[in-house]
């Protein structure tokens, strides 16, 4: 009977405990760029006030409630003085499951969005000088939709990174091809030099 009471008390305490959400472990910024984390259980949410064009990388630790369903993602990104021509997102350890709304705050429009499993580039028709709402950062009532991320393969305590850049991030395959091309170019120059010195 006592064991049953202890188990019931533990279950009630666990139910009453606050839900655990993503934990921002590290924020890599340059200069006065500021990051504010608003993440909640099952929700990746942050604001970045860009004061320059340097990328921002955020590292998050996964908690139990973040693994129950696809992770909703939204953000408010305030533009540097030069504005945004493009916004690039790169994921390391997670992947994009769906792309939701992107709303320029200065009245601009989106030219196109290019998406891969671990990157997304949002191109603007004209520079966005105020800021951009990614997903539904301000909540209902709204016709906007959050982006979603897959944390497949991650467990509690694992980390993933998201980089937000004020320029396009290359697709990993494109980057691999570029590095391979540079390697082959270097090898062919070296092989050509060896052949000319042998003559």
N, C-alpha and C. Protein backbone atom coordinates (compact mmCIF):
# COMPACT_ATOMS: atom_id res chain seq x y z
N UNK A 1 0.83 -1.19 0.00
CA UNK A 1 0.00 0.00 0.00
C UNK A 1 0.88 1.25 0.00
N UNK A 2 1.91 1.25 0.84
CA UNK A 2 2.80 2.40 0.94
C UNK A 2 3.53 2.63 -0.40
N UNK A 3 3.97 1.55 -1.05
CA UNK A 3 4.64 1.65 -2.34
C UNK A 3 3.71 2.25 -3.40
N UNK A 4 2.44 1.83 -3.36
CA UNK A 4 1.45 2.37 -4.28
C UNK A 4 1.26 3.87 -4.05
N UNK A 5 1.23 4.30 -2.80
CA UNK A 5 1.08 5.72 -2.47
C UNK A 5 2.29 6.52 -2.94
N UNK A 6 3.49 5.97 -2.77
CA UNK A 6 4.69 6.65 -3.22
C UNK A 6 4.70 6.79 -4.74
N UNK A 7 4.29 5.74 -5.45
CA UNK A 7 4.25 5.80 -6.90
C UNK A 7 3.23 6.84 -7.37
N UNK A 8 2.08 6.89 -6.70
CA UNK A 8 1.05 7.87 -7.04
C UNK A 8 1.56 9.29 -6.78
N UNK A 9 2.24 9.51 -5.66
CA UNK A 9 2.78 10.83 -5.34
C UNK A 9 3.84 11.24 -6.37
N UNK A 10 4.68 10.31 -6.79
CA UNK A 10 5.70 10.61 -7.78
C UNK A 10 5.06 10.97 -9.12
N UNK A 11 4.02 10.23 -9.51
CA UNK A 11 3.34 10.52 -10.77
C UNK A 11 2.67 11.89 -10.73
N UNK A 12 2.05 12.24 -9.61
CA UNK A 12 1.42 13.55 -9.47
C UNK A 12 2.46 14.67 -9.51
N UNK A 13 3.59 14.45 -8.86
CA UNK A 13 4.66 15.46 -8.87
C UNK A 13 5.20 15.65 -10.28
N UNK A 14 5.35 14.55 -11.01
CA UNK A 14 5.85 14.67 -12.39
C UNK A 14 4.85 15.41 -13.26
N UNK A 15 3.56 15.15 -13.06
CA UNK A 15 2.54 15.82 -13.86
C UNK A 15 2.47 17.31 -13.52
N UNK A 16 2.74 17.66 -12.26
CA UNK A 16 2.68 19.06 -11.83
C UNK A 16 3.94 19.83 -12.18
N UNK A 17 5.04 19.11 -12.44
CA UNK A 17 6.30 19.77 -12.77
C UNK A 17 6.17 20.50 -14.09
N UNK A 18 6.86 21.61 -14.24
CA UNK A 18 6.79 22.32 -15.51
C UNK A 18 7.37 21.47 -16.63
N UNK A 19 6.77 21.57 -17.80
CA UNK A 19 7.26 20.82 -18.95
C UNK A 19 8.65 21.34 -19.31
N UNK A 20 9.48 20.41 -19.76
CA UNK A 20 10.83 20.83 -20.13
C UNK A 20 10.88 21.13 -21.62
N UNK A 21 11.62 22.18 -21.95
CA UNK A 21 11.71 22.64 -23.34
C UNK A 21 13.16 22.66 -23.76
N UNK A 22 13.37 22.94 -25.04
CA UNK A 22 14.72 23.12 -25.54
C UNK A 22 15.50 24.07 -24.64
N UNK A 23 16.77 23.80 -24.50
CA UNK A 23 17.63 24.67 -23.69
C UNK A 23 18.67 25.28 -24.62
N UNK A 24 18.71 26.61 -24.67
CA UNK A 24 19.73 27.30 -25.46
C UNK A 24 21.06 27.14 -24.73
N UNK A 25 21.97 26.40 -25.34
CA UNK A 25 23.26 26.11 -24.72
C UNK A 25 24.31 27.14 -25.09
N UNK A 26 24.26 27.62 -26.33
CA UNK A 26 25.29 28.55 -26.79
C UNK A 26 24.72 29.43 -27.90
N UNK A 27 25.13 30.67 -27.89
CA UNK A 27 24.74 31.63 -28.91
C UNK A 27 26.02 32.28 -29.44
N UNK A 28 26.33 32.05 -30.71
CA UNK A 28 27.53 32.63 -31.31
C UNK A 28 27.11 33.81 -32.17
N UNK A 29 27.47 35.01 -31.72
CA UNK A 29 27.15 36.23 -32.46
C UNK A 29 28.41 37.07 -32.57
N UNK A 30 28.34 38.10 -33.40
CA UNK A 30 29.45 39.03 -33.56
C UNK A 30 28.94 40.42 -33.23
N UNK A 31 29.73 41.17 -32.47
CA UNK A 31 29.36 42.54 -32.16
C UNK A 31 28.13 42.64 -31.28
N UNK A 32 27.29 43.61 -31.56
CA UNK A 32 26.13 43.91 -30.71
C UNK A 32 24.88 43.13 -31.09
N UNK A 33 24.96 42.19 -32.03
CA UNK A 33 23.80 41.37 -32.39
C UNK A 33 23.28 40.67 -31.14
N UNK A 34 21.96 40.74 -30.92
CA UNK A 34 21.36 40.19 -29.69
C UNK A 34 20.39 39.06 -30.04
N UNK A 35 20.38 38.03 -29.20
CA UNK A 35 19.48 36.89 -29.35
C UNK A 35 18.64 36.77 -28.09
N UNK A 36 17.33 36.56 -28.27
CA UNK A 36 16.43 36.31 -27.16
C UNK A 36 15.71 35.00 -27.44
N UNK A 37 15.79 34.06 -26.51
CA UNK A 37 15.18 32.74 -26.68
C UNK A 37 13.79 32.72 -26.04
N UNK A 38 12.78 32.26 -26.80
CA UNK A 38 11.41 32.13 -26.30
C UNK A 38 10.93 30.69 -26.42
N UNK A 39 11.83 29.73 -26.54
CA UNK A 39 11.45 28.34 -26.77
C UNK A 39 10.59 27.82 -25.62
N UNK A 40 9.67 26.92 -25.98
CA UNK A 40 8.77 26.28 -25.03
C UNK A 40 8.73 24.80 -25.40
N UNK A 41 8.10 23.95 -24.60
CA UNK A 41 8.04 22.54 -24.96
C UNK A 41 7.47 22.34 -26.37
N UNK A 42 8.23 21.67 -27.23
CA UNK A 42 7.80 21.41 -28.59
C UNK A 42 7.88 22.60 -29.52
N UNK A 43 8.51 23.68 -29.09
CA UNK A 43 8.54 24.93 -29.86
C UNK A 43 9.92 25.56 -29.81
N UNK A 44 10.56 25.71 -30.97
CA UNK A 44 11.81 26.46 -31.10
C UNK A 44 11.43 27.87 -31.51
N UNK A 45 11.74 28.84 -30.66
CA UNK A 45 11.32 30.22 -30.93
C UNK A 45 12.37 31.17 -30.40
N UNK A 46 12.79 32.11 -31.26
CA UNK A 46 13.78 33.09 -30.83
C UNK A 46 13.68 34.34 -31.69
N UNK A 47 14.25 35.41 -31.17
CA UNK A 47 14.39 36.67 -31.90
C UNK A 47 15.88 36.94 -32.08
N UNK A 48 16.26 37.47 -33.23
CA UNK A 48 17.64 37.92 -33.46
C UNK A 48 17.56 39.36 -33.95
N UNK A 49 18.24 40.23 -33.24
CA UNK A 49 18.35 41.64 -33.64
C UNK A 49 19.73 41.80 -34.27
N UNK A 50 19.79 41.64 -35.60
CA UNK A 50 21.06 41.73 -36.32
C UNK A 50 21.57 43.17 -36.28
N UNK A 51 22.80 43.36 -35.81
CA UNK A 51 23.44 44.67 -35.82
C UNK A 51 24.54 44.73 -36.88
N UNK A 52 24.77 43.59 -37.54
CA UNK A 52 25.75 43.47 -38.62
C UNK A 52 25.32 42.30 -39.49
N UNK A 53 26.09 41.97 -40.48
CA UNK A 53 25.71 40.90 -41.41
C UNK A 53 26.33 39.55 -41.07
N UNK A 54 26.98 39.44 -39.93
CA UNK A 54 27.60 38.17 -39.54
C UNK A 54 26.53 37.15 -39.16
N UNK A 55 26.74 35.88 -39.51
CA UNK A 55 25.75 34.85 -39.16
C UNK A 55 25.67 34.63 -37.65
N UNK A 56 24.55 34.09 -37.22
CA UNK A 56 24.31 33.75 -35.82
C UNK A 56 24.09 32.24 -35.74
N UNK A 57 24.81 31.57 -34.84
CA UNK A 57 24.63 30.13 -34.64
C UNK A 57 24.17 29.88 -33.22
N UNK A 58 23.07 29.14 -33.10
CA UNK A 58 22.48 28.81 -31.81
C UNK A 58 22.53 27.30 -31.61
N UNK A 59 22.98 26.87 -30.44
CA UNK A 59 23.03 25.45 -30.11
C UNK A 59 22.00 25.18 -29.04
N UNK A 60 21.12 24.19 -29.29
CA UNK A 60 20.06 23.84 -28.36
C UNK A 60 20.21 22.40 -27.90
N UNK A 61 19.90 22.17 -26.61
CA UNK A 61 19.84 20.81 -26.06
C UNK A 61 18.39 20.35 -26.09
N UNK A 62 18.17 19.12 -26.54
CA UNK A 62 16.84 18.55 -26.67
C UNK A 62 16.37 18.00 -25.32
N UNK A 63 15.12 18.29 -24.98
CA UNK A 63 14.48 17.77 -23.78
C UNK A 63 13.35 16.82 -24.19
N UNK A 64 12.81 16.08 -23.23
CA UNK A 64 11.83 15.02 -23.52
C UNK A 64 10.62 15.53 -24.30
N UNK A 65 10.04 16.65 -23.91
CA UNK A 65 8.83 17.14 -24.57
C UNK A 65 9.06 17.58 -26.01
N UNK A 66 10.31 17.78 -26.39
CA UNK A 66 10.62 18.21 -27.75
C UNK A 66 10.60 17.04 -28.73
N UNK A 67 10.56 15.81 -28.21
CA UNK A 67 10.61 14.63 -29.05
C UNK A 67 9.24 14.01 -29.30
N UNK A 68 8.18 14.63 -28.75
CA UNK A 68 6.84 14.04 -28.85
C UNK A 68 6.21 14.22 -30.23
N UNK A 69 6.59 15.21 -30.97
CA UNK A 69 6.02 15.50 -32.29
C UNK A 69 7.05 16.34 -33.05
N UNK A 70 6.78 16.63 -34.32
CA UNK A 70 7.70 17.56 -35.00
C UNK A 70 7.82 18.85 -34.20
N UNK A 71 8.99 19.42 -34.19
CA UNK A 71 9.28 20.63 -33.43
C UNK A 71 8.82 21.85 -34.22
N UNK A 72 7.91 22.64 -33.66
CA UNK A 72 7.47 23.87 -34.32
C UNK A 72 8.60 24.89 -34.24
N UNK A 73 8.74 25.71 -35.29
CA UNK A 73 9.81 26.71 -35.34
C UNK A 73 9.25 28.04 -35.81
N UNK A 74 9.55 29.09 -35.04
CA UNK A 74 9.25 30.45 -35.48
C UNK A 74 10.32 31.38 -34.95
N UNK A 75 10.45 32.54 -35.60
CA UNK A 75 11.48 33.50 -35.20
C UNK A 75 11.10 34.89 -35.71
N UNK A 76 11.62 35.89 -35.02
CA UNK A 76 11.54 37.26 -35.49
C UNK A 76 12.97 37.71 -35.71
N UNK A 77 13.27 38.15 -36.93
CA UNK A 77 14.63 38.54 -37.30
C UNK A 77 14.61 40.00 -37.71
N UNK A 78 15.28 40.84 -36.92
CA UNK A 78 15.33 42.27 -37.21
C UNK A 78 16.54 42.56 -38.09
N UNK A 79 16.32 43.31 -39.14
CA UNK A 79 17.34 43.52 -40.17
C UNK A 79 18.44 44.48 -39.72
N UNK A 80 19.67 44.23 -40.20
CA UNK A 80 20.74 45.20 -39.99
C UNK A 80 20.47 46.43 -40.86
N UNK A 81 21.27 47.46 -40.74
CA UNK A 81 21.07 48.69 -41.52
C UNK A 81 21.05 48.47 -43.02
N UNK A 82 21.70 47.42 -43.51
CA UNK A 82 21.73 47.15 -44.94
C UNK A 82 20.50 46.40 -45.42
N UNK A 83 19.67 45.93 -44.50
CA UNK A 83 18.48 45.16 -44.87
C UNK A 83 18.83 43.73 -45.24
N UNK A 84 17.79 42.93 -45.48
CA UNK A 84 17.94 41.55 -45.91
C UNK A 84 17.62 41.45 -47.39
N UNK A 85 18.55 40.95 -48.20
CA UNK A 85 18.24 40.54 -49.57
C UNK A 85 17.85 39.07 -49.57
N UNK A 86 18.48 38.35 -48.65
CA UNK A 86 18.23 36.92 -48.51
C UNK A 86 18.48 36.55 -47.05
N UNK A 87 17.75 35.56 -46.57
CA UNK A 87 18.00 34.97 -45.25
C UNK A 87 18.29 33.49 -45.47
N UNK A 88 19.36 33.01 -44.86
CA UNK A 88 19.71 31.61 -44.99
C UNK A 88 19.65 30.92 -43.63
N UNK A 89 19.13 29.70 -43.62
CA UNK A 89 19.05 28.89 -42.42
C UNK A 89 19.77 27.57 -42.69
N UNK A 90 20.64 27.17 -41.78
CA UNK A 90 21.32 25.88 -41.90
C UNK A 90 21.12 25.12 -40.59
N UNK A 91 20.74 23.85 -40.71
CA UNK A 91 20.55 22.99 -39.54
C UNK A 91 21.67 21.96 -39.48
N UNK A 92 22.12 21.67 -38.29
CA UNK A 92 23.14 20.64 -38.05
C UNK A 92 22.60 19.75 -36.94
N UNK A 93 22.24 18.50 -37.28
CA UNK A 93 21.69 17.58 -36.30
C UNK A 93 20.17 17.52 -36.31
N UNK A 94 19.53 18.30 -37.14
CA UNK A 94 18.07 18.29 -37.30
C UNK A 94 17.79 18.52 -38.78
N UNK A 95 16.53 18.45 -39.18
CA UNK A 95 16.19 18.70 -40.58
C UNK A 95 14.84 19.41 -40.67
N UNK A 96 14.65 20.11 -41.78
CA UNK A 96 13.38 20.77 -42.01
C UNK A 96 12.34 19.73 -42.42
N UNK A 97 11.19 19.76 -41.75
CA UNK A 97 10.10 18.85 -42.12
C UNK A 97 9.08 19.58 -42.98
N UNK A 98 8.79 20.83 -42.62
CA UNK A 98 7.88 21.64 -43.45
C UNK A 98 8.26 23.11 -43.32
N UNK A 99 7.95 23.85 -44.36
CA UNK A 99 8.22 25.28 -44.39
C UNK A 99 6.88 26.00 -44.27
N UNK A 100 6.80 26.90 -43.32
CA UNK A 100 5.56 27.64 -43.10
C UNK A 100 5.66 29.04 -43.69
N UNK A 101 5.10 29.98 -42.97
CA UNK A 101 5.02 31.36 -43.44
C UNK A 101 6.34 32.11 -43.28
N UNK A 102 6.54 33.10 -44.14
CA UNK A 102 7.61 34.08 -44.01
C UNK A 102 6.95 35.43 -44.31
N UNK A 103 6.99 36.34 -43.34
CA UNK A 103 6.29 37.61 -43.49
C UNK A 103 7.25 38.78 -43.32
N UNK A 104 7.58 39.48 -44.41
CA UNK A 104 8.39 40.69 -44.29
C UNK A 104 7.57 41.77 -43.57
N UNK A 105 8.18 42.47 -42.65
CA UNK A 105 7.46 43.47 -41.86
C UNK A 105 7.43 44.85 -42.51
N UNK A 106 8.23 45.06 -43.56
CA UNK A 106 8.32 46.36 -44.21
C UNK A 106 7.39 46.44 -45.43
N UNK A 107 6.57 45.39 -45.60
CA UNK A 107 5.65 45.38 -46.72
C UNK A 107 6.22 44.79 -47.99
N UNK A 108 7.40 44.22 -47.90
CA UNK A 108 8.03 43.62 -49.08
C UNK A 108 7.40 42.28 -49.42
N UNK A 109 8.00 41.63 -50.39
CA UNK A 109 7.48 40.33 -50.79
C UNK A 109 8.63 39.33 -50.97
N UNK A 110 8.26 38.07 -50.94
CA UNK A 110 9.22 36.98 -51.09
C UNK A 110 9.34 36.66 -52.58
N UNK A 111 10.56 36.60 -53.07
CA UNK A 111 10.79 36.20 -54.46
C UNK A 111 10.69 34.69 -54.59
N UNK A 112 11.42 33.96 -53.73
CA UNK A 112 11.39 32.50 -53.75
C UNK A 112 12.01 31.96 -52.47
N UNK A 113 11.72 30.69 -52.19
CA UNK A 113 12.32 29.98 -51.07
C UNK A 113 12.91 28.69 -51.62
N UNK A 114 14.19 28.47 -51.36
CA UNK A 114 14.87 27.26 -51.80
C UNK A 114 15.16 26.44 -50.55
N UNK A 115 14.71 25.18 -50.55
CA UNK A 115 14.77 24.36 -49.34
C UNK A 115 15.39 23.01 -49.63
N UNK A 116 16.23 22.56 -48.71
CA UNK A 116 16.73 21.20 -48.69
C UNK A 116 16.43 20.63 -47.31
N UNK A 117 16.86 19.43 -47.03
CA UNK A 117 16.55 18.84 -45.72
C UNK A 117 17.21 19.60 -44.58
N UNK A 118 18.39 20.19 -44.82
CA UNK A 118 19.07 20.87 -43.72
C UNK A 118 19.43 22.32 -44.03
N UNK A 119 18.80 22.89 -45.04
CA UNK A 119 19.01 24.32 -45.31
C UNK A 119 17.75 24.92 -45.93
N UNK A 120 17.60 26.21 -45.76
CA UNK A 120 16.51 26.96 -46.41
C UNK A 120 17.03 28.36 -46.69
N UNK A 121 16.81 28.86 -47.89
CA UNK A 121 17.18 30.21 -48.28
C UNK A 121 15.93 30.96 -48.72
N UNK A 122 15.68 32.10 -48.09
CA UNK A 122 14.53 32.93 -48.41
C UNK A 122 15.06 34.16 -49.15
N UNK A 123 14.64 34.32 -50.41
CA UNK A 123 15.07 35.45 -51.23
C UNK A 123 13.95 36.48 -51.30
N UNK A 124 14.28 37.74 -51.07
CA UNK A 124 13.29 38.81 -51.08
C UNK A 124 13.30 39.51 -52.44
N UNK A 125 12.13 39.96 -52.89
CA UNK A 125 12.02 40.67 -54.16
C UNK A 125 12.76 42.01 -54.11
N UNK A 126 12.77 42.63 -52.94
CA UNK A 126 13.51 43.88 -52.69
C UNK A 126 14.02 43.79 -51.26
N UNK A 127 15.09 44.48 -50.92
CA UNK A 127 15.63 44.38 -49.56
C UNK A 127 14.56 44.68 -48.49
N UNK A 128 14.58 43.87 -47.45
CA UNK A 128 13.68 44.05 -46.30
C UNK A 128 14.46 44.79 -45.22
N UNK A 129 14.06 46.02 -44.93
CA UNK A 129 14.83 46.86 -44.02
C UNK A 129 14.36 46.85 -42.58
N UNK A 130 13.19 46.31 -42.30
CA UNK A 130 12.70 46.30 -40.93
C UNK A 130 12.96 44.96 -40.25
N UNK A 131 12.30 43.93 -40.72
CA UNK A 131 12.47 42.62 -40.12
C UNK A 131 11.58 41.60 -40.79
N UNK A 132 11.71 40.36 -40.34
CA UNK A 132 10.97 39.26 -40.94
C UNK A 132 10.43 38.37 -39.82
N UNK A 133 9.18 37.97 -39.96
CA UNK A 133 8.58 36.98 -39.06
C UNK A 133 8.60 35.65 -39.78
N UNK A 134 9.28 34.68 -39.19
CA UNK A 134 9.35 33.32 -39.73
C UNK A 134 8.37 32.48 -38.94
N UNK A 135 7.44 31.85 -39.62
CA UNK A 135 6.40 31.09 -38.92
C UNK A 135 5.37 32.02 -38.32
N UNK A 136 4.76 31.58 -37.24
CA UNK A 136 3.71 32.36 -36.57
C UNK A 136 4.23 32.79 -35.20
N UNK A 137 5.18 33.70 -35.19
CA UNK A 137 5.86 34.10 -33.96
C UNK A 137 4.96 34.81 -32.96
N UNK A 138 3.92 35.49 -33.45
CA UNK A 138 3.08 36.28 -32.56
C UNK A 138 1.80 35.56 -32.17
N UNK A 139 1.57 34.36 -32.70
CA UNK A 139 0.43 33.55 -32.30
C UNK A 139 -0.90 33.99 -32.86
N UNK A 140 -1.96 33.27 -32.45
CA UNK A 140 -3.29 33.55 -32.97
C UNK A 140 -3.79 34.92 -32.52
N UNK A 141 -4.77 35.50 -33.19
CA UNK A 141 -5.37 35.00 -34.43
C UNK A 141 -4.48 35.34 -35.61
N UNK A 142 -4.23 34.37 -36.42
CA UNK A 142 -3.32 34.58 -37.53
C UNK A 142 -3.54 33.51 -38.58
N UNK A 143 -3.25 33.85 -39.82
CA UNK A 143 -3.31 32.85 -40.89
C UNK A 143 -1.91 32.31 -41.18
N UNK A 144 -0.93 32.71 -40.37
CA UNK A 144 0.45 32.27 -40.57
C UNK A 144 0.65 30.87 -39.98
N UNK A 145 1.65 30.16 -40.51
CA UNK A 145 1.94 28.81 -40.01
C UNK A 145 3.41 28.69 -39.64
N UNK A 146 3.64 27.94 -38.57
CA UNK A 146 5.01 27.67 -38.14
C UNK A 146 5.70 26.73 -39.12
N UNK A 147 7.02 26.82 -39.15
CA UNK A 147 7.84 25.84 -39.83
C UNK A 147 7.92 24.65 -38.87
N UNK A 148 8.28 23.46 -39.35
CA UNK A 148 8.51 22.34 -38.45
C UNK A 148 9.85 21.69 -38.75
N UNK A 149 10.46 21.20 -37.68
CA UNK A 149 11.76 20.53 -37.76
C UNK A 149 11.61 19.09 -37.29
N UNK A 150 12.37 18.21 -37.88
CA UNK A 150 12.43 16.82 -37.43
C UNK A 150 13.70 16.66 -36.59
N UNK A 151 13.53 16.04 -35.44
CA UNK A 151 14.67 15.73 -34.58
C UNK A 151 14.96 14.23 -34.60
N UNK A 152 14.59 13.57 -35.70
CA UNK A 152 14.77 12.12 -35.83
C UNK A 152 16.21 11.74 -35.54
N UNK A 153 16.37 10.72 -34.74
CA UNK A 153 17.71 10.24 -34.38
C UNK A 153 18.28 10.89 -33.13
N UNK A 154 17.66 11.96 -32.65
CA UNK A 154 18.14 12.62 -31.44
C UNK A 154 17.41 12.07 -30.22
N UNK A 155 18.08 12.10 -29.09
CA UNK A 155 17.48 11.69 -27.82
C UNK A 155 17.66 12.82 -26.81
N UNK A 156 17.04 12.66 -25.65
CA UNK A 156 17.13 13.67 -24.61
C UNK A 156 18.60 13.92 -24.28
N UNK A 157 18.98 15.19 -24.26
CA UNK A 157 20.36 15.57 -23.95
C UNK A 157 21.21 15.82 -25.18
N UNK A 158 20.78 15.33 -26.35
CA UNK A 158 21.52 15.60 -27.59
C UNK A 158 21.36 17.07 -27.96
N UNK A 159 22.23 17.57 -28.81
CA UNK A 159 22.16 18.96 -29.24
C UNK A 159 22.02 19.05 -30.75
N UNK A 160 21.48 20.16 -31.21
CA UNK A 160 21.47 20.50 -32.62
C UNK A 160 21.74 21.99 -32.73
N UNK A 161 22.17 22.42 -33.93
CA UNK A 161 22.48 23.83 -34.16
C UNK A 161 21.63 24.37 -35.30
N UNK A 162 21.32 25.64 -35.20
CA UNK A 162 20.70 26.35 -36.30
C UNK A 162 21.51 27.62 -36.53
N UNK A 163 21.88 27.85 -37.77
CA UNK A 163 22.60 29.06 -38.15
C UNK A 163 21.67 29.91 -39.00
N UNK A 164 21.58 31.19 -38.64
CA UNK A 164 20.79 32.14 -39.41
C UNK A 164 21.79 33.12 -40.02
N UNK A 165 21.76 33.21 -41.35
CA UNK A 165 22.72 34.05 -42.06
C UNK A 165 21.99 35.10 -42.89
N UNK A 166 22.64 36.23 -43.07
CA UNK A 166 22.06 37.30 -43.89
C UNK A 166 22.48 37.15 -45.35
N UNK A 167 22.86 35.95 -45.71
CA UNK A 167 23.14 35.60 -47.10
C UNK A 167 22.74 34.14 -47.29
N UNK A 168 22.74 33.66 -48.50
CA UNK A 168 22.33 32.29 -48.77
C UNK A 168 23.34 31.31 -48.20
N UNK A 169 22.84 30.23 -47.61
CA UNK A 169 23.72 29.17 -47.16
C UNK A 169 23.76 28.12 -48.26
N UNK A 170 24.94 27.59 -48.57
CA UNK A 170 25.02 26.61 -49.66
C UNK A 170 24.42 25.28 -49.25
N UNK A 171 23.84 24.62 -50.20
CA UNK A 171 23.37 23.25 -49.96
C UNK A 171 24.60 22.39 -49.72
N UNK A 172 24.52 21.43 -48.80
CA UNK A 172 25.70 20.59 -48.52
C UNK A 172 26.25 19.91 -49.77
N UNK A 173 25.39 19.46 -50.68
CA UNK A 173 25.86 18.81 -51.90
C UNK A 173 26.64 19.80 -52.77
N UNK A 174 26.18 21.04 -52.84
CA UNK A 174 26.87 22.08 -53.60
C UNK A 174 28.23 22.35 -53.00
N UNK A 175 28.29 22.45 -51.69
CA UNK A 175 29.55 22.68 -51.01
C UNK A 175 30.51 21.52 -51.24
N UNK A 176 30.01 20.28 -51.16
CA UNK A 176 30.86 19.11 -51.39
C UNK A 176 31.39 19.10 -52.81
N UNK A 177 30.53 19.45 -53.78
CA UNK A 177 30.99 19.49 -55.17
C UNK A 177 32.04 20.57 -55.36
N UNK A 178 31.86 21.72 -54.73
CA UNK A 178 32.84 22.80 -54.86
C UNK A 178 34.18 22.39 -54.28
N UNK A 179 34.16 21.77 -53.11
CA UNK A 179 35.41 21.32 -52.49
C UNK A 179 36.08 20.23 -53.33
N UNK A 180 35.29 19.32 -53.89
CA UNK A 180 35.85 18.28 -54.76
C UNK A 180 36.48 18.91 -56.00
N UNK A 181 35.78 19.88 -56.58
CA UNK A 181 36.31 20.58 -57.76
C UNK A 181 37.62 21.29 -57.46
N UNK A 182 37.68 21.96 -56.32
CA UNK A 182 38.93 22.63 -55.94
C UNK A 182 40.05 21.62 -55.72
N UNK A 183 39.71 20.49 -55.12
CA UNK A 183 40.71 19.44 -54.91
C UNK A 183 41.24 18.89 -56.22
N UNK A 184 40.33 18.64 -57.17
CA UNK A 184 40.75 18.14 -58.48
C UNK A 184 41.57 19.17 -59.24
N UNK A 185 41.19 20.43 -59.12
CA UNK A 185 41.95 21.50 -59.77
C UNK A 185 43.37 21.55 -59.21
N UNK A 186 43.50 21.48 -57.90
CA UNK A 186 44.82 21.48 -57.27
C UNK A 186 45.64 20.27 -57.67
N UNK A 187 45.00 19.10 -57.72
CA UNK A 187 45.70 17.88 -58.10
C UNK A 187 46.16 17.97 -59.55
N UNK A 188 45.30 18.49 -60.46
CA UNK A 188 45.69 18.56 -61.88
C UNK A 188 46.82 19.57 -62.08
N UNK A 189 46.81 20.67 -61.33
CA UNK A 189 47.91 21.65 -61.44
C UNK A 189 49.22 21.03 -60.95
N UNK A 190 49.11 20.30 -59.86
CA UNK A 190 50.32 19.66 -59.32
C UNK A 190 50.83 18.59 -60.28
N UNK A 191 49.92 17.81 -60.84
CA UNK A 191 50.32 16.75 -61.79
C UNK A 191 50.91 17.39 -63.05
N UNK A 192 50.36 18.52 -63.51
CA UNK A 192 50.88 19.22 -64.69
C UNK A 192 52.28 19.75 -64.44
N UNK A 193 52.50 20.27 -63.22
CA UNK A 193 53.82 20.79 -62.87
C UNK A 193 54.85 19.65 -62.82
N UNK A 194 54.44 18.51 -62.27
CA UNK A 194 55.37 17.37 -62.20
C UNK A 194 55.74 16.88 -63.60
N UNK A 195 54.78 16.89 -64.53
CA UNK A 195 55.04 16.46 -65.90
C UNK A 195 55.98 17.43 -66.60
N UNK A 196 55.81 18.74 -66.38
CA UNK A 196 56.66 19.72 -67.07
C UNK A 196 58.07 19.73 -66.51
N UNK A 197 58.26 19.36 -65.27
CA UNK A 197 59.62 19.32 -64.72
C UNK A 197 60.35 18.05 -65.11
N UNK A 198 59.58 17.01 -65.51
CA UNK A 198 60.19 15.75 -65.93
C UNK A 198 60.79 15.87 -67.34
N UNK A 199 60.31 16.78 -68.16
CA UNK A 199 60.72 16.88 -69.57
C UNK A 199 62.10 17.39 -69.74
